[in-house]
Amino acid sequence: MSANLLALGALALWASLATLGVALAALPPFLLTGLALMIGSLPAWPRWRQWKVPPATFALGVVGLFGYHALLFIALRLAPAVEANLLNYLWPLLIVVMAPVYLPGVSLRSGHLLAAAAGFAGAALAILGSAPQAATSADLIIHATGSVVTASTERHAELTSQTLLGYAAAAAAGLTWASYSLLTRRVAAFPTAAVGGFALVSGLLSLLCHLFFEHPVAIRAPEAWLLAAIGLGPMGAAFYLWDRAIKLGDARVIGLLSYLTPLGSTALLLLTTGRSLNWRLGLATALIVGSAALGLWASRQDPKPDSAAK
């Protein structure tokens, strides 16, 4: 199976979180993420011997899975949800523009730089466009790597230090996932089954955060079935598909394909919360998606395929 098809499979699973997330929105975010990641690790348990990888590689996997989610949770608690979500979704573009830094033999064309500028302009517009709004709601966030969280989001009349800290956490989350995805190509080769070990430890860390920072809740039988579905699909199989795709394919193309997920998830977020698509948010989305299209065109002008070492 081609790398692009593997990536599309992962992206499709991540997009399926919309309906699952609505039913599980009552669960605290760290509890949901922790249980889902542990369930997602189950398919790799029969190959637990393949989890034995160098400590640096294992740390990379845990930072990628747990670090990303922790940073995003902080962002969603401090900043307006839709704007933080869009800023977090710069990770596909970051994969494109950082590929030459992490992967030997990958070039960066002027089209990629223009795409980066358009993407960051869209993110800035999304941030600044939130300033005039003043409303309070509970937003359901469905993000690209698989977790679903609820965040009480208060619209701020101006950019406060707390809001800016939230935006910084969202940007750091995007940088974390992009770096993790690219660095898996730079460390010593490891079997995809090792992702199960990453998920298990990340799930345990998420549950520890739940114990310290969240109130315990009872899980009902219907929620248990939905947890199994979300863990085995978007929070399980998607990570294994993504690992194989990013190792085998052109990181620039895969990064650009990834914008199919934020586009769909942002639209679902707006539909779920009943928030209208104002011109600022619409233009920001157009800039971000347009930047991905421009980057894809630039990648096609390169006669050399992505042939990164390791």
C-alpha atoms as a PDB file:
ATOM      1  CA  MET A   1       0.000   0.000   0.000  1.00  0.00           C
ATOM      2  CA  SER A   2       1.373   3.435  -0.920  1.00  0.00           C
ATOM      3  CA  ALA A   3       2.406   5.933   1.725  1.00  0.00           C
ATOM      4  CA  ASN A   4      -0.230   8.428   0.584  1.00  0.00           C
ATOM      5  CA  LEU A   5      -2.994   5.839   0.982  1.00  0.00           C
ATOM      6  CA  LEU A   6      -1.724   4.968   4.442  1.00  0.00           C
ATOM      7  CA  ALA A   7      -1.740   8.657   5.344  1.00  0.00           C
ATOM      8  CA  LEU A   8      -5.257   9.109   3.973  1.00  0.00           C
ATOM      9  CA  GLY A   9      -6.383   6.149   6.071  1.00  0.00           C
ATOM     10  CA  ALA A  10      -5.007   7.780   9.205  1.00  0.00           C
ATOM     11  CA  LEU A  11      -6.571  11.127   8.285  1.00  0.00           C
ATOM     12  CA  ALA A  12      -9.943   9.500   7.631  1.00  0.00           C
ATOM     13  CA  LEU A  13      -9.855   7.828  11.043  1.00  0.00           C
ATOM     14  CA  TRP A  14      -8.969  11.116  12.713  1.00  0.00           C
ATOM     15  CA  ALA A  15     -11.869  12.813  10.928  1.00  0.00           C
ATOM     16  CA  SER A  16     -14.250  10.147  12.261  1.00  0.00           C
ATOM     17  CA  LEU A  17     -13.812  11.585  15.758  1.00  0.00           C
ATOM     18  CA  ALA A  18     -16.683  14.005  15.136  1.00  0.00           C
ATOM     19  CA  THR A  19     -19.540  11.633  15.922  1.00  0.00           C
ATOM     20  CA  LEU A  20     -17.595   9.687  18.557  1.00  0.00           C
ATOM     21  CA  GLY A  21     -16.525  12.847  20.332  1.00  0.00           C
ATOM     22  CA  VAL A  22     -20.054  14.181  20.689  1.00  0.00           C
ATOM     23  CA  ALA A  23     -21.093  11.087  22.624  1.00  0.00           C
ATOM     24  CA  LEU A  24     -17.989  11.172  24.854  1.00  0.00           C
ATOM     25  CA  ALA A  25     -17.843  14.911  25.477  1.00  0.00           C
ATOM     26  CA  ALA A  26     -18.810  14.465  29.151  1.00  0.00           C
ATOM     27  CA  LEU A  27     -15.574  12.641  29.967  1.00  0.00           C
ATOM     28  CA  PRO A  28     -12.642  14.762  31.222  1.00  0.00           C
ATOM     29  CA  PRO A  29     -10.038  15.228  28.463  1.00  0.00           C
ATOM     30  CA  PHE A  30      -7.082  13.548  30.160  1.00  0.00           C
ATOM     31  CA  LEU A  31      -9.235  10.597  31.233  1.00  0.00           C
ATOM     32  CA  LEU A  32     -10.586  10.167  27.720  1.00  0.00           C
ATOM     33  CA  THR A  33      -7.180  10.500  26.107  1.00  0.00           C
ATOM     34  CA  GLY A  34      -5.494   8.197  28.616  1.00  0.00           C
ATOM     35  CA  LEU A  35      -8.027   5.394  28.259  1.00  0.00           C
ATOM     36  CA  ALA A  36      -8.192   5.770  24.482  1.00  0.00           C
ATOM     37  CA  LEU A  37      -4.413   5.624  24.103  1.00  0.00           C
ATOM     38  CA  MET A  38      -4.182   2.549  26.309  1.00  0.00           C
ATOM     39  CA  ILE A  39      -6.910   0.848  24.279  1.00  0.00           C
ATOM     40  CA  GLY A  40      -5.125   1.923  21.114  1.00  0.00           C
ATOM     41  CA  SER A  41      -1.967   0.193  22.301  1.00  0.00           C
ATOM     42  CA  LEU A  42      -3.730  -3.190  22.605  1.00  0.00           C
ATOM     43  CA  PRO A  43      -3.215  -4.352  18.971  1.00  0.00           C
ATOM     44  CA  ALA A  44       0.548  -4.028  19.487  1.00  0.00           C
ATOM     45  CA  TRP A  45       0.657  -6.036  22.708  1.00  0.00           C
ATOM     46  CA  PRO A  46       1.283  -9.390  20.960  1.00  0.00           C
ATOM     47  CA  ARG A  47       4.455  -7.781  19.552  1.00  0.00           C
ATOM     48  CA  TRP A  48       5.583  -6.269  22.822  1.00  0.00           C
ATOM     49  CA  ARG A  49       9.117  -7.503  22.219  1.00  0.00           C
ATOM     50  CA  GLN A  50       9.326  -4.965  19.388  1.00  0.00           C
ATOM     51  CA  TRP A  51       8.767  -2.189  21.918  1.00  0.00           C
ATOM     52  CA  LYS A  52      12.424  -2.544  22.912  1.00  0.00           C
ATOM     53  CA  VAL A  53      13.897   0.507  21.216  1.00  0.00           C
ATOM     54  CA  PRO A  54      16.675   2.925  22.231  1.00  0.00           C
ATOM     55  CA  PRO A  55      15.668   5.154  25.178  1.00  0.00           C
ATOM     56  CA  ALA A  56      15.944   8.284  23.023  1.00  0.00           C
ATOM     57  CA  THR A  57      13.534   6.806  20.486  1.00  0.00           C
ATOM     58  CA  PHE A  58      11.057   5.811  23.179  1.00  0.00           C
ATOM     59  CA  ALA A  59      11.288   9.292  24.716  1.00  0.00           C
ATOM     60  CA  LEU A  60      10.614  10.789  21.284  1.00  0.00           C
ATOM     61  CA  GLY A  61       7.464   8.707  20.941  1.00  0.00           C
ATOM     62  CA  VAL A  62       6.152   9.640  24.377  1.00  0.00           C
ATOM     63  CA  VAL A  63       6.911  13.339  23.865  1.00  0.00           C
ATOM     64  CA  GLY A  64       5.143  13.172  20.524  1.00  0.00           C
ATOM     65  CA  LEU A  65       1.950  11.526  21.772  1.00  0.00           C
ATOM     66  CA  PHE A  66       1.671  12.789  25.337  1.00  0.00           C
ATOM     67  CA  GLY A  67       3.427  16.139  24.892  1.00  0.00           C
ATOM     68  CA  TYR A  68       1.214  17.098  21.983  1.00  0.00           C
ATOM     69  CA  HIS A  69      -2.009  16.369  23.844  1.00  0.00           C
ATOM     70  CA  ALA A  70      -0.900  18.091  27.055  1.00  0.00           C
ATOM     71  CA  LEU A  71       0.051  21.271  25.195  1.00  0.00           C
ATOM     72  CA  LEU A  72      -3.199  21.299  23.262  1.00  0.00           C
ATOM     73  CA  PHE A  73      -5.251  20.848  26.445  1.00  0.00           C
ATOM     74  CA  ILE A  74      -3.490  23.872  27.960  1.00  0.00           C
ATOM     75  CA  ALA A  75      -4.185  25.895  24.818  1.00  0.00           C
ATOM     76  CA  LEU A  76      -7.870  25.021  24.817  1.00  0.00           C
ATOM     77  CA  ARG A  77      -8.229  26.017  28.462  1.00  0.00           C
ATOM     78  CA  LEU A  78      -6.617  29.429  27.939  1.00  0.00           C
ATOM     79  CA  ALA A  79      -7.497  30.558  24.407  1.00  0.00           C
ATOM     80  CA  PRO A  80     -10.654  30.681  22.254  1.00  0.00           C
ATOM     81  CA  ALA A  81     -11.151  27.160  20.976  1.00  0.00           C
ATOM     82  CA  VAL A  82     -11.653  27.703  17.238  1.00  0.00           C
ATOM     83  CA  GLU A  83      -8.670  30.020  16.884  1.00  0.00           C
ATOM     84  CA  ALA A  84      -6.414  27.804  19.004  1.00  0.00           C
ATOM     85  CA  ASN A  85      -7.558  24.859  16.909  1.00  0.00           C
ATOM     86  CA  LEU A  86      -6.561  26.609  13.676  1.00  0.00           C
ATOM     87  CA  LEU A  87      -3.188  27.609  15.114  1.00  0.00           C
ATOM     88  CA  ASN A  88      -2.563  24.050  16.228  1.00  0.00           C
ATOM     89  CA  TYR A  89      -3.379  22.943  12.695  1.00  0.00           C
ATOM     90  CA  LEU A  90      -0.289  24.618  11.355  1.00  0.00           C
ATOM     91  CA  TRP A  91       1.457  21.302  12.032  1.00  0.00           C
ATOM     92  CA  PRO A  92       0.857  20.009   8.481  1.00  0.00           C
ATOM     93  CA  LEU A  93       2.510  23.119   7.060  1.00  0.00           C
ATOM     94  CA  LEU A  94       5.321  22.861   9.601  1.00  0.00           C
ATOM     95  CA  ILE A  95       5.981  19.325   8.385  1.00  0.00           C
ATOM     96  CA  VAL A  96       6.418  20.755   4.888  1.00  0.00           C
ATOM     97  CA  VAL A  97       8.660  23.704   5.700  1.00  0.00           C
ATOM     98  CA  MET A  98      10.753  21.890   8.331  1.00  0.00           C
ATOM     99  CA  ALA A  99      11.342  18.802   6.183  1.00  0.00           C
ATOM    100  CA  PRO A 100      14.627  20.194   4.754  1.00  0.00           C
ATOM    101  CA  VAL A 101      15.853  20.883   8.302  1.00  0.00           C
ATOM    102  CA  TYR A 102      15.158  17.380   9.605  1.00  0.00           C
ATOM    103  CA  LEU A 103      15.505  15.270   6.454  1.00  0.00           C
ATOM    104  CA  PRO A 104      18.660  15.226   4.340  1.00  0.00           C
ATOM    105  CA  GLY A 105      18.076  15.471   0.595  1.00  0.00           C
ATOM    106  CA  VAL A 106      14.765  17.337   0.845  1.00  0.00           C
ATOM    107  CA  SER A 107      14.711  20.771  -0.774  1.00  0.00           C
ATOM    108  CA  LEU A 108      12.608  23.827  -0.061  1.00  0.00           C
ATOM    109  CA  ARG A 109      11.405  25.909  -3.010  1.00  0.00           C
ATOM    110  CA  SER A 110      10.157  29.481  -3.083  1.00  0.00           C
ATOM    111  CA  GLY A 111       6.631  28.091  -3.380  1.00  0.00           C
ATOM    112  CA  HIS A 112       7.056  26.386  -0.021  1.00  0.00           C
ATOM    113  CA  LEU A 113       8.143  29.689   1.542  1.00  0.00           C
ATOM    114  CA  LEU A 114       5.122  31.469   0.060  1.00  0.00           C
ATOM    115  CA  ALA A 115       2.910  28.686   1.367  1.00  0.00           C
ATOM    116  CA  ALA A 116       4.437  29.077   4.828  1.00  0.00           C
ATOM    117  CA  ALA A 117       3.821  32.830   4.772  1.00  0.00           C
ATOM    118  CA  ALA A 118       0.189  32.352   3.714  1.00  0.00           C
ATOM    119  CA  GLY A 119      -0.374  29.727   6.407  1.00  0.00           C
ATOM    120  CA  PHE A 120       1.046  31.861   9.184  1.00  0.00           C
ATOM    121  CA  ALA A 121      -0.905  34.869   7.905  1.00  0.00           C
ATOM    122  CA  GLY A 122      -4.071  32.799   8.168  1.00  0.00           C
ATOM    123  CA  ALA A 123      -3.216  31.805  11.727  1.00  0.00           C
ATOM    124  CA  ALA A 124      -2.539  35.423  12.695  1.00  0.00           C
ATOM    125  CA  LEU A 125      -5.853  36.471  11.181  1.00  0.00           C
ATOM    126  CA  ALA A 126      -7.640  33.754  13.154  1.00  0.00           C
ATOM    127  CA  ILE A 127      -6.030  34.975  16.388  1.00  0.00           C
ATOM    128  CA  LEU A 128      -6.692  38.668  15.826  1.00  0.00           C
ATOM    129  CA  GLY A 129     -10.156  37.935  14.498  1.00  0.00           C
ATOM    130  CA  SER A 130     -11.187  36.535  17.865  1.00  0.00           C
ATOM    131  CA  ALA A 131     -10.634  39.822  19.696  1.00  0.00           C
ATOM    132  CA  PRO A 132     -13.969  41.554  18.946  1.00  0.00           C
ATOM    133  CA  GLN A 133     -16.054  38.545  20.001  1.00  0.00           C
ATOM    134  CA  ALA A 134     -17.623  38.220  23.426  1.00  0.00           C
ATOM    135  CA  ALA A 135     -19.532  35.074  24.225  1.00  0.00           C
ATOM    136  CA  THR A 136     -19.199  32.030  26.435  1.00  0.00           C
ATOM    137  CA  SER A 137     -19.779  28.460  25.270  1.00  0.00           C
ATOM    138  CA  ALA A 138     -18.588  24.880  25.655  1.00  0.00           C
ATOM    139  CA  ASP A 139     -16.760  23.965  22.482  1.00  0.00           C
ATOM    140  CA  LEU A 140     -16.128  20.438  21.295  1.00  0.00           C
ATOM    141  CA  ILE A 141     -12.667  20.205  19.818  1.00  0.00           C
ATOM    142  CA  ILE A 142     -11.764  17.424  17.448  1.00  0.00           C
ATOM    143  CA  HIS A 143      -8.130  17.604  16.487  1.00  0.00           C
ATOM    144  CA  ALA A 144      -5.955  15.858  14.062  1.00  0.00           C
ATOM    145  CA  THR A 145      -4.025  13.429  16.182  1.00  0.00           C
ATOM    146  CA  GLY A 146      -7.029  11.859  17.705  1.00  0.00           C
ATOM    147  CA  SER A 147      -8.123  13.176  21.062  1.00  0.00           C
ATOM    148  CA  VAL A 148     -11.429  14.840  21.724  1.00  0.00           C
ATOM    149  CA  VAL A 149     -11.663  17.363  24.506  1.00  0.00           C
ATOM    150  CA  THR A 150     -14.212  19.751  25.875  1.00  0.00           C
ATOM    151  CA  ALA A 151     -13.084  23.194  26.839  1.00  0.00           C
ATOM    152  CA  SER A 152     -14.996  26.034  28.398  1.00  0.00           C
ATOM    153  CA  THR A 153     -14.036  28.931  26.164  1.00  0.00           C
ATOM    154  CA  GLU A 154     -14.622  32.511  27.097  1.00  0.00           C
ATOM    155  CA  ARG A 155     -14.381  34.948  24.187  1.00  0.00           C
ATOM    156  CA  HIS A 156     -12.084  37.791  25.144  1.00  0.00           C
ATOM    157  CA  ALA A 157     -12.642  41.369  24.092  1.00  0.00           C
ATOM    158  CA  GLU A 158      -8.882  41.792  23.804  1.00  0.00           C
ATOM    159  CA  LEU A 159      -5.742  39.687  23.673  1.00  0.00           C
ATOM    160  CA  THR A 160      -4.816  39.083  27.306  1.00  0.00           C
ATOM    161  CA  SER A 161      -1.639  37.469  28.603  1.00  0.00           C
ATOM    162  CA  GLN A 162      -3.632  34.310  29.319  1.00  0.00           C
ATOM    163  CA  THR A 163      -4.958  34.191  25.763  1.00  0.00           C
ATOM    164  CA  LEU A 164      -1.487  34.738  24.319  1.00  0.00           C
ATOM    165  CA  LEU A 165      -0.168  31.921  26.521  1.00  0.00           C
ATOM    166  CA  GLY A 166      -2.907  29.699  25.121  1.00  0.00           C
ATOM    167  CA  TYR A 167      -1.938  30.577  21.566  1.00  0.00           C
ATOM    168  CA  ALA A 168       1.716  29.857  22.393  1.00  0.00           C
ATOM    169  CA  ALA A 169       0.732  26.433  23.754  1.00  0.00           C
ATOM    170  CA  ALA A 170      -1.297  25.727  20.596  1.00  0.00           C
ATOM    171  CA  ALA A 171       1.665  26.660  18.403  1.00  0.00           C
ATOM    172  CA  ALA A 172       3.961  24.514  20.563  1.00  0.00           C
ATOM    173  CA  ALA A 173       1.546  21.610  20.167  1.00  0.00           C
ATOM    174  CA  GLY A 174       1.681  21.922  16.392  1.00  0.00           C
ATOM    175  CA  LEU A 175       5.471  22.159  16.479  1.00  0.00           C
ATOM    176  CA  THR A 176       5.653  19.091  18.724  1.00  0.00           C
ATOM    177  CA  TRP A 177       3.602  16.907  16.396  1.00  0.00           C
ATOM    178  CA  ALA A 178       5.423  18.099  13.272  1.00  0.00           C
ATOM    179  CA  SER A 179       8.818  17.504  14.894  1.00  0.00           C
ATOM    180  CA  TYR A 180       7.788  14.063  16.159  1.00  0.00           C
ATOM    181  CA  SER A 181       6.562  13.064  12.706  1.00  0.00           C
ATOM    182  CA  LEU A 182       9.787  14.155  11.019  1.00  0.00           C
ATOM    183  CA  LEU A 183      12.181  12.899  13.681  1.00  0.00           C
ATOM    184  CA  THR A 184      10.812   9.372  13.366  1.00  0.00           C
ATOM    185  CA  ARG A 185      12.670   9.430  10.038  1.00  0.00           C
ATOM    186  CA  ARG A 186      15.930  10.483  11.658  1.00  0.00           C
ATOM    187  CA  VAL A 187      16.233   8.097  14.596  1.00  0.00           C
ATOM    188  CA  ALA A 188      17.353   4.514  14.153  1.00  0.00           C
ATOM    189  CA  ALA A 189      14.696   2.500  12.335  1.00  0.00           C
ATOM    190  CA  PHE A 190      12.141   0.969  14.688  1.00  0.00           C
ATOM    191  CA  PRO A 191       9.133  -1.289  14.052  1.00  0.00           C
ATOM    192  CA  THR A 192       5.720   0.340  13.827  1.00  0.00           C
ATOM    193  CA  ALA A 193       4.561  -1.951  16.663  1.00  0.00           C
ATOM    194  CA  ALA A 194       6.718   0.154  19.001  1.00  0.00           C
ATOM    195  CA  VAL A 195       4.102   2.895  18.624  1.00  0.00           C
ATOM    196  CA  GLY A 196       1.968   0.710  20.883  1.00  0.00           C
ATOM    197  CA  GLY A 197       4.525   1.147  23.637  1.00  0.00           C
ATOM    198  CA  PHE A 198       4.550   4.902  23.071  1.00  0.00           C
ATOM    199  CA  ALA A 199       0.755   4.949  23.315  1.00  0.00           C
ATOM    200  CA  LEU A 200       0.678   2.823  26.481  1.00  0.00           C
ATOM    201  CA  VAL A 201       3.114   5.039  28.385  1.00  0.00           C
ATOM    202  CA  SER A 202       1.466   8.205  27.052  1.00  0.00           C
ATOM    203  CA  GLY A 203      -1.893   6.859  28.170  1.00  0.00           C
ATOM    204  CA  LEU A 204      -0.572   6.184  31.669  1.00  0.00           C
ATOM    205  CA  LEU A 205       0.820   9.718  31.868  1.00  0.00           C
ATOM    206  CA  SER A 206      -2.541  11.110  30.739  1.00  0.00           C
ATOM    207  CA  LEU A 207      -4.305   9.117  33.458  1.00  0.00           C
ATOM    208  CA  LEU A 208      -1.878  10.511  36.037  1.00  0.00           C
ATOM    209  CA  CYS A 209      -2.789  14.000  34.837  1.00  0.00           C
ATOM    210  CA  HIS A 210      -6.422  13.033  35.228  1.00  0.00           C
ATOM    211  CA  LEU A 211      -5.842  12.022  38.845  1.00  0.00           C
ATOM    212  CA  PHE A 212      -4.082  15.291  39.650  1.00  0.00           C
ATOM    213  CA  PHE A 213      -6.012  17.832  37.593  1.00  0.00           C
ATOM    214  CA  GLU A 214      -9.492  16.464  36.915  1.00  0.00           C
ATOM    215  CA  HIS A 215     -12.485  15.267  38.884  1.00  0.00           C
ATOM    216  CA  PRO A 216     -13.207  11.517  38.670  1.00  0.00           C
ATOM    217  CA  VAL A 217     -16.326  10.458  36.786  1.00  0.00           C
ATOM    218  CA  ALA A 218     -18.161   7.181  36.319  1.00  0.00           C
ATOM    219  CA  ILE A 219     -18.053   5.586  32.881  1.00  0.00           C
ATOM    220  CA  ARG A 220     -21.350   4.119  31.721  1.00  0.00           C
ATOM    221  CA  ALA A 221     -21.674   1.014  29.549  1.00  0.00           C
ATOM    222  CA  PRO A 222     -22.520   2.925  26.316  1.00  0.00           C
ATOM    223  CA  GLU A 223     -19.476   5.140  26.871  1.00  0.00           C
ATOM    224  CA  ALA A 224     -17.287   2.069  27.340  1.00  0.00           C
ATOM    225  CA  TRP A 225     -18.237   0.812  23.866  1.00  0.00           C
ATOM    226  CA  LEU A 226     -17.545   4.222  22.366  1.00  0.00           C
ATOM    227  CA  LEU A 227     -14.202   4.333  24.171  1.00  0.00           C
ATOM    228  CA  ALA A 228     -13.309   1.013  22.544  1.00  0.00           C
ATOM    229  CA  ALA A 229     -14.228   2.407  19.126  1.00  0.00           C
ATOM    230  CA  ILE A 230     -12.300   5.627  19.572  1.00  0.00           C
ATOM    231  CA  GLY A 231      -9.292   3.821  21.020  1.00  0.00           C
ATOM    232  CA  LEU A 232      -9.032   1.147  18.346  1.00  0.00           C
ATOM    233  CA  GLY A 233      -9.673   3.581  15.496  1.00  0.00           C
ATOM    234  CA  PRO A 234      -8.667   7.265  15.710  1.00  0.00           C
ATOM    235  CA  MET A 235      -6.531   6.788  18.818  1.00  0.00           C
ATOM    236  CA  GLY A 236      -5.057   3.482  17.770  1.00  0.00           C
ATOM    237  CA  ALA A 237      -4.942   2.329  14.168  1.00  0.00           C
ATOM    238  CA  ALA A 238      -4.501   5.903  12.945  1.00  0.00           C
ATOM    239  CA  PHE A 239      -1.179   6.221  14.764  1.00  0.00           C
ATOM    240  CA  TYR A 240       0.166   3.009  13.234  1.00  0.00           C
ATOM    241  CA  LEU A 241      -0.932   4.053   9.739  1.00  0.00           C
ATOM    242  CA  TRP A 242       0.609   7.479  10.244  1.00  0.00           C
ATOM    243  CA  ASP A 243       3.906   6.007  11.406  1.00  0.00           C
ATOM    244  CA  ARG A 244       4.199   3.822   8.301  1.00  0.00           C
ATOM    245  CA  ALA A 245       3.126   6.638   5.993  1.00  0.00           C
ATOM    246  CA  ILE A 246       5.562   9.205   7.324  1.00  0.00           C
ATOM    247  CA  LYS A 247       8.432   6.698   7.154  1.00  0.00           C
ATOM    248  CA  LEU A 248       7.722   5.567   3.590  1.00  0.00           C
ATOM    249  CA  GLY A 249       6.409   8.650   1.818  1.00  0.00           C
ATOM    250  CA  ASP A 250       7.286  12.206   0.876  1.00  0.00           C
ATOM    251  CA  ALA A 251       6.915  14.142   4.113  1.00  0.00           C
ATOM    252  CA  ARG A 252       6.014  17.317   2.213  1.00  0.00           C
ATOM    253  CA  VAL A 253       3.140  15.693   0.332  1.00  0.00           C
ATOM    254  CA  ILE A 254       1.866  13.874   3.426  1.00  0.00           C
ATOM    255  CA  GLY A 255       1.984  17.105   5.394  1.00  0.00           C
ATOM    256  CA  LEU A 256      -0.105  18.821   2.757  1.00  0.00           C
ATOM    257  CA  LEU A 257      -2.608  15.963   2.564  1.00  0.00           C
ATOM    258  CA  SER A 258      -3.032  16.386   6.310  1.00  0.00           C
ATOM    259  CA  TYR A 259      -4.879  19.642   5.745  1.00  0.00           C
ATOM    260  CA  LEU A 260      -7.895  17.563   4.713  1.00  0.00           C
ATOM    261  CA  THR A 261      -8.398  16.794   8.393  1.00  0.00           C
ATOM    262  CA  PRO A 262      -8.248  20.306   9.898  1.00  0.00           C
ATOM    263  CA  LEU A 263     -10.534  21.593   7.195  1.00  0.00           C
ATOM    264  CA  GLY A 264     -13.164  18.982   8.030  1.00  0.00           C
ATOM    265  CA  SER A 265     -12.687  19.205  11.785  1.00  0.00           C
ATOM    266  CA  THR A 266     -12.969  22.993  11.824  1.00  0.00           C
ATOM    267  CA  ALA A 267     -16.195  22.805   9.842  1.00  0.00           C
ATOM    268  CA  LEU A 268     -17.520  20.164  12.246  1.00  0.00           C
ATOM    269  CA  LEU A 269     -16.490  22.329  15.188  1.00  0.00           C
ATOM    270  CA  LEU A 270     -18.481  25.264  13.849  1.00  0.00           C
ATOM    271  CA  LEU A 271     -21.501  23.072  13.177  1.00  0.00           C
ATOM    272  CA  THR A 272     -21.310  21.466  16.626  1.00  0.00           C
ATOM    273  CA  THR A 273     -21.000  24.703  18.567  1.00  0.00           C
ATOM    274  CA  GLY A 274     -23.452  26.638  16.399  1.00  0.00           C
ATOM    275  CA  ARG A 275     -20.856  29.333  15.765  1.00  0.00           C
ATOM    276  CA  SER A 276     -21.177  31.204  12.490  1.00  0.00           C
ATOM    277  CA  LEU A 277     -18.314  31.406  10.021  1.00  0.00           C
ATOM    278  CA  ASN A 278     -17.392  35.098  10.048  1.00  0.00           C
ATOM    279  CA  TRP A 279     -15.325  36.601   7.278  1.00  0.00           C
ATOM    280  CA  ARG A 280     -12.122  36.666   9.366  1.00  0.00           C
ATOM    281  CA  LEU A 281     -12.293  32.987  10.225  1.00  0.00           C
ATOM    282  CA  GLY A 282     -13.361  32.144   6.682  1.00  0.00           C
ATOM    283  CA  LEU A 283     -10.434  34.076   5.206  1.00  0.00           C
ATOM    284  CA  ALA A 284      -8.040  32.510   7.706  1.00  0.00           C
ATOM    285  CA  THR A 285      -9.207  29.038   6.710  1.00  0.00           C
ATOM    286  CA  ALA A 286      -8.885  29.925   3.007  1.00  0.00           C
ATOM    287  CA  LEU A 287      -5.329  31.176   3.541  1.00  0.00           C
ATOM    288  CA  ILE A 288      -4.293  28.049   5.435  1.00  0.00           C
ATOM    289  CA  VAL A 289      -5.837  25.634   2.943  1.00  0.00           C
ATOM    290  CA  GLY A 290      -4.557  27.717   0.031  1.00  0.00           C
ATOM    291  CA  SER A 291      -1.066  27.574   1.462  1.00  0.00           C
ATOM    292  CA  ALA A 292      -1.263  23.790   1.469  1.00  0.00           C
ATOM    293  CA  ALA A 293      -2.301  23.772  -2.190  1.00  0.00           C
ATOM    294  CA  LEU A 294       0.573  26.100  -3.080  1.00  0.00           C
ATOM    295  CA  GLY A 295       3.036  23.904  -1.217  1.00  0.00           C
ATOM    296  CA  LEU A 296       1.766  20.847  -3.062  1.00  0.00           C
ATOM    297  CA  TRP A 297       2.314  22.605  -6.396  1.00  0.00           C
ATOM    298  CA  ALA A 298       5.850  23.550  -5.331  1.00  0.00           C
ATOM    299  CA  SER A 299       6.608  19.959  -4.354  1.00  0.00           C
ATOM    300  CA  ARG A 300       5.512  18.729  -7.772  1.00  0.00           C
ATOM    301  CA  GLN A 301       8.083  21.018  -9.401  1.00  0.00           C
ATOM    302  CA  ASP A 302      10.873  19.112  -7.656  1.00  0.00           C
ATOM    303  CA  PRO A 303      12.174  16.380  -9.964  1.00  0.00           C
ATOM    304  CA  LYS A 304      13.700  14.487  -7.055  1.00  0.00           C
ATOM    305  CA  PRO A 305      11.484  12.428  -4.757  1.00  0.00           C
ATOM    306  CA  ASP A 306      11.788  12.626  -1.039  1.00  0.00           C
ATOM    307  CA  SER A 307      14.684  10.304  -0.291  1.00  0.00           C
ATOM    308  CA  ALA A 308      15.459  11.109   3.292  1.00  0.00           C
ATOM    309  CA  ALA A 309      17.995   8.993   5.107  1.00  0.00           C
ATOM    310  CA  LYS A 310      16.805   6.666   7.825  1.00  0.00           C
END
